[in-house]
N, C-alpha and C. Protein backbone atom coordinates (compact mmCIF):
# COMPACT_ATOMS: atom_id res chain seq x y z
N MET A 1 56.39 35.73 4.23
CA MET A 1 56.68 36.03 2.77
C MET A 1 56.56 34.81 1.96
N ILE A 2 55.89 34.98 0.87
CA ILE A 2 55.69 33.91 -0.14
C ILE A 2 56.82 33.73 -1.08
N ASP A 3 57.35 32.45 -1.32
CA ASP A 3 58.33 32.20 -2.34
C ASP A 3 57.82 32.41 -3.68
N ALA A 4 58.35 33.25 -4.47
CA ALA A 4 57.76 33.61 -5.85
C ALA A 4 57.89 32.34 -6.68
N ASN A 5 58.75 31.44 -6.42
CA ASN A 5 58.94 30.25 -7.30
C ASN A 5 57.82 29.19 -6.98
N SER A 6 57.08 29.37 -5.94
CA SER A 6 56.06 28.46 -5.67
C SER A 6 54.64 28.99 -6.06
N ILE A 7 54.62 29.95 -7.01
CA ILE A 7 53.41 30.58 -7.47
C ILE A 7 53.09 30.12 -8.84
N ALA A 8 51.84 29.78 -9.10
CA ALA A 8 51.44 29.36 -10.45
C ALA A 8 50.51 30.44 -11.09
N LEU A 9 50.60 30.56 -12.36
CA LEU A 9 49.75 31.50 -13.11
C LEU A 9 48.62 30.79 -13.77
N VAL A 10 47.36 31.10 -13.50
CA VAL A 10 46.23 30.38 -14.03
C VAL A 10 45.28 31.45 -14.66
N VAL A 11 44.78 31.12 -15.92
CA VAL A 11 43.89 31.96 -16.57
C VAL A 11 42.50 31.39 -16.52
N ASN A 12 41.48 32.07 -16.03
CA ASN A 12 40.22 31.57 -15.90
C ASN A 12 39.24 32.35 -16.88
N GLU A 13 38.24 31.73 -17.34
CA GLU A 13 37.12 32.34 -18.23
C GLU A 13 35.82 32.03 -17.59
N PRO A 14 35.40 32.84 -16.61
CA PRO A 14 34.17 32.53 -15.92
C PRO A 14 32.89 32.77 -16.78
N ALA A 15 33.11 33.70 -17.79
CA ALA A 15 32.05 33.96 -18.71
C ALA A 15 32.73 34.11 -20.17
N PRO A 16 32.00 33.77 -21.14
CA PRO A 16 32.61 33.84 -22.52
C PRO A 16 33.20 35.23 -22.86
N GLY A 17 34.39 35.17 -23.15
CA GLY A 17 35.21 36.42 -23.63
C GLY A 17 35.61 37.33 -22.43
N ARG A 18 35.63 36.77 -21.31
CA ARG A 18 36.00 37.54 -20.11
C ARG A 18 37.06 36.70 -19.34
N PHE A 19 38.36 37.06 -19.54
CA PHE A 19 39.49 36.28 -19.02
C PHE A 19 40.10 36.99 -17.89
N TYR A 20 40.34 36.28 -16.78
CA TYR A 20 41.10 36.77 -15.63
C TYR A 20 42.31 36.00 -15.30
N TRP A 21 43.48 36.66 -15.00
CA TRP A 21 44.63 35.92 -14.52
C TRP A 21 44.63 35.85 -13.01
N VAL A 22 45.16 34.77 -12.58
CA VAL A 22 45.21 34.56 -11.07
C VAL A 22 46.56 33.87 -10.81
N LEU A 23 47.25 34.50 -9.77
CA LEU A 23 48.51 34.02 -9.26
C LEU A 23 48.11 33.28 -7.95
N GLN A 24 48.46 31.93 -7.94
CA GLN A 24 48.04 31.26 -6.71
C GLN A 24 49.26 30.32 -6.23
N LYS A 25 49.09 30.04 -4.92
CA LYS A 25 50.08 29.19 -4.24
C LYS A 25 50.01 27.78 -4.85
N GLN A 26 51.15 27.10 -4.94
CA GLN A 26 51.19 25.74 -5.43
C GLN A 26 51.18 24.69 -4.38
N ASP A 27 50.51 25.01 -3.17
CA ASP A 27 50.58 24.12 -2.08
C ASP A 27 49.49 23.08 -2.27
N ILE A 28 49.64 21.83 -1.85
CA ILE A 28 48.64 20.82 -1.85
C ILE A 28 47.50 21.22 -0.93
N ASP A 29 47.87 21.68 0.23
CA ASP A 29 46.86 21.99 1.24
C ASP A 29 46.02 23.32 0.90
N ASP A 30 46.87 24.35 0.39
CA ASP A 30 46.28 25.65 0.22
C ASP A 30 46.57 26.19 -1.13
N GLY A 31 45.62 26.18 -2.12
CA GLY A 31 45.94 26.75 -3.39
C GLY A 31 45.27 28.14 -3.48
N SER A 32 45.38 28.94 -2.44
CA SER A 32 44.74 30.26 -2.39
C SER A 32 45.41 31.26 -3.29
N ALA A 33 44.66 32.21 -3.74
CA ALA A 33 45.08 33.19 -4.67
C ALA A 33 46.07 34.28 -3.91
N VAL A 34 47.17 34.52 -4.70
CA VAL A 34 47.96 35.59 -4.14
C VAL A 34 47.74 36.88 -4.68
N ASP A 35 47.41 36.91 -6.00
CA ASP A 35 47.08 38.18 -6.73
C ASP A 35 46.10 37.80 -7.76
N THR A 36 45.20 38.75 -8.22
CA THR A 36 44.31 38.41 -9.26
C THR A 36 44.15 39.75 -10.15
N ALA A 37 43.67 39.53 -11.40
CA ALA A 37 43.32 40.61 -12.22
C ALA A 37 42.13 41.49 -11.65
N SER A 38 42.21 42.72 -11.78
CA SER A 38 41.16 43.59 -11.27
C SER A 38 40.02 43.68 -12.21
N ALA A 39 40.20 43.49 -13.50
CA ALA A 39 39.22 43.63 -14.45
C ALA A 39 39.49 42.57 -15.51
N PRO A 40 38.35 42.13 -16.21
CA PRO A 40 38.57 41.14 -17.29
C PRO A 40 39.21 41.57 -18.40
N LEU A 41 39.96 40.67 -19.20
CA LEU A 41 40.67 41.01 -20.45
C LEU A 41 39.97 40.22 -21.55
N PRO A 42 39.95 40.75 -22.75
CA PRO A 42 39.22 40.24 -23.90
C PRO A 42 39.72 38.90 -24.46
N SER A 43 40.94 38.45 -24.16
CA SER A 43 41.45 37.25 -24.66
C SER A 43 42.33 36.53 -23.76
N TYR A 44 42.43 35.22 -23.99
CA TYR A 44 43.36 34.38 -23.10
C TYR A 44 44.81 34.91 -23.20
N GLY A 45 45.20 35.20 -24.37
CA GLY A 45 46.71 35.64 -24.61
C GLY A 45 46.95 36.98 -23.82
N LEU A 46 46.06 37.84 -23.88
CA LEU A 46 46.25 39.10 -23.06
C LEU A 46 46.29 38.88 -21.56
N ALA A 47 45.38 37.99 -21.19
CA ALA A 47 45.28 37.62 -19.68
C ALA A 47 46.61 36.93 -19.28
N MET A 48 47.12 36.12 -20.14
CA MET A 48 48.36 35.38 -19.81
C MET A 48 49.59 36.33 -19.78
N MET A 49 49.61 37.29 -20.74
CA MET A 49 50.75 38.29 -20.69
C MET A 49 50.61 39.17 -19.50
N ALA A 50 49.47 39.60 -19.15
CA ALA A 50 49.32 40.45 -17.90
C ALA A 50 49.68 39.72 -16.68
N GLY A 51 49.27 38.40 -16.65
CA GLY A 51 49.56 37.62 -15.48
C GLY A 51 51.16 37.33 -15.41
N MET A 52 51.80 37.21 -16.53
CA MET A 52 53.30 36.87 -16.57
C MET A 52 53.92 38.22 -16.09
N PHE A 53 53.40 39.31 -16.47
CA PHE A 53 54.00 40.58 -16.04
C PHE A 53 53.86 40.74 -14.52
N ALA A 54 52.74 40.39 -14.00
CA ALA A 54 52.54 40.45 -12.48
C ALA A 54 53.46 39.47 -11.77
N LEU A 55 53.65 38.30 -12.40
CA LEU A 55 54.49 37.31 -11.81
C LEU A 55 55.97 37.81 -11.80
N GLN A 56 56.33 38.36 -12.94
CA GLN A 56 57.77 38.83 -12.99
C GLN A 56 57.92 40.03 -12.08
N ARG A 57 56.95 40.98 -11.92
CA ARG A 57 57.05 42.10 -11.00
C ARG A 57 57.18 41.57 -9.55
N ARG A 58 56.54 40.49 -9.21
CA ARG A 58 56.56 39.91 -7.87
C ARG A 58 57.89 39.30 -7.59
N ARG A 59 58.47 38.69 -8.67
CA ARG A 59 59.80 38.10 -8.45
C ARG A 59 60.89 39.06 -8.41
N GLY A 60 60.63 40.39 -8.60
CA GLY A 60 61.66 41.48 -8.67
C GLY A 60 62.50 41.46 -10.05
N PHE A 61 61.97 40.90 -11.09
CA PHE A 61 62.55 40.94 -12.28
C PHE A 61 62.85 42.30 -12.84
N PHE A 62 61.96 43.15 -12.69
CA PHE A 62 62.07 44.57 -13.25
C PHE A 62 63.01 45.42 -12.28
N SER A 63 63.20 45.17 -11.03
CA SER A 63 64.11 45.93 -10.23
C SER A 63 65.55 45.69 -10.42
N ARG A 64 65.89 44.58 -10.97
CA ARG A 64 67.27 44.23 -11.21
C ARG A 64 67.83 44.57 -12.55
N ARG A 65 66.93 45.00 -13.49
CA ARG A 65 67.39 45.39 -14.75
C ARG A 65 67.39 46.89 -14.92
N PRO A 66 68.36 47.36 -15.63
CA PRO A 66 68.36 48.91 -15.88
C PRO A 66 67.20 49.27 -16.72
N ALA A 67 66.60 50.46 -16.38
CA ALA A 67 65.45 50.84 -17.23
C ALA A 67 65.95 51.46 -18.58
N ARG A 68 65.18 51.25 -19.63
CA ARG A 68 65.34 51.71 -20.88
C ARG A 68 64.23 52.56 -21.29
N ASP A 69 64.53 53.71 -22.07
CA ASP A 69 63.45 54.46 -22.52
C ASP A 69 62.74 53.80 -23.82
N SER A 70 63.71 53.04 -24.57
CA SER A 70 63.13 52.39 -25.71
C SER A 70 63.99 51.13 -26.09
N TYR A 71 63.41 50.30 -26.88
CA TYR A 71 64.21 49.16 -27.23
C TYR A 71 64.16 49.10 -28.72
N GLU A 72 65.34 48.93 -29.29
CA GLU A 72 65.46 48.73 -30.76
C GLU A 72 65.98 47.35 -31.16
N SER A 73 65.24 46.70 -31.87
CA SER A 73 65.60 45.31 -32.28
C SER A 73 66.72 45.29 -33.35
N ARG A 74 67.57 44.46 -33.24
CA ARG A 74 68.62 44.23 -34.21
C ARG A 74 68.22 43.50 -35.40
N ALA A 75 67.02 42.79 -35.31
CA ALA A 75 66.54 42.03 -36.48
C ALA A 75 65.63 42.87 -37.30
N ASP A 76 65.69 42.76 -38.59
CA ASP A 76 64.86 43.35 -39.54
C ASP A 76 63.86 42.36 -39.95
N PHE A 77 62.56 42.63 -39.60
CA PHE A 77 61.48 41.78 -39.89
C PHE A 77 60.78 42.08 -41.22
N GLY A 78 61.16 43.13 -41.90
CA GLY A 78 60.57 43.54 -43.20
C GLY A 78 59.37 44.31 -42.97
N PRO A 79 58.67 44.73 -44.05
CA PRO A 79 57.52 45.58 -43.85
C PRO A 79 56.36 44.72 -43.28
N THR A 80 55.44 45.33 -42.70
CA THR A 80 54.33 44.66 -42.00
C THR A 80 53.05 44.93 -42.89
N THR A 81 52.06 44.14 -42.66
CA THR A 81 50.83 44.37 -43.38
C THR A 81 49.73 45.04 -42.52
N ILE A 82 50.12 45.45 -41.29
CA ILE A 82 49.31 46.04 -40.35
C ILE A 82 49.08 47.56 -40.81
N GLN A 83 47.80 47.91 -40.89
CA GLN A 83 47.47 49.23 -41.36
C GLN A 83 47.30 50.20 -40.27
């Protein structure tokens, strides 16, 4: 079993506009991939968020927290300009 704390998240862009996240071991001898994106994402940020989700899922983050149907923020950010 792999220790989830010794896994690094890396985002690669092998072609312009095609970003892949990779979870890989942080060993000096073996930096092999543990998990990778199955399809490219259109931005670095989306690839990073998807990779973080995969890393948190691997660490069991979601299994320890109670599931919620929705989340309501206590902060009021005011009206948005998104149409």
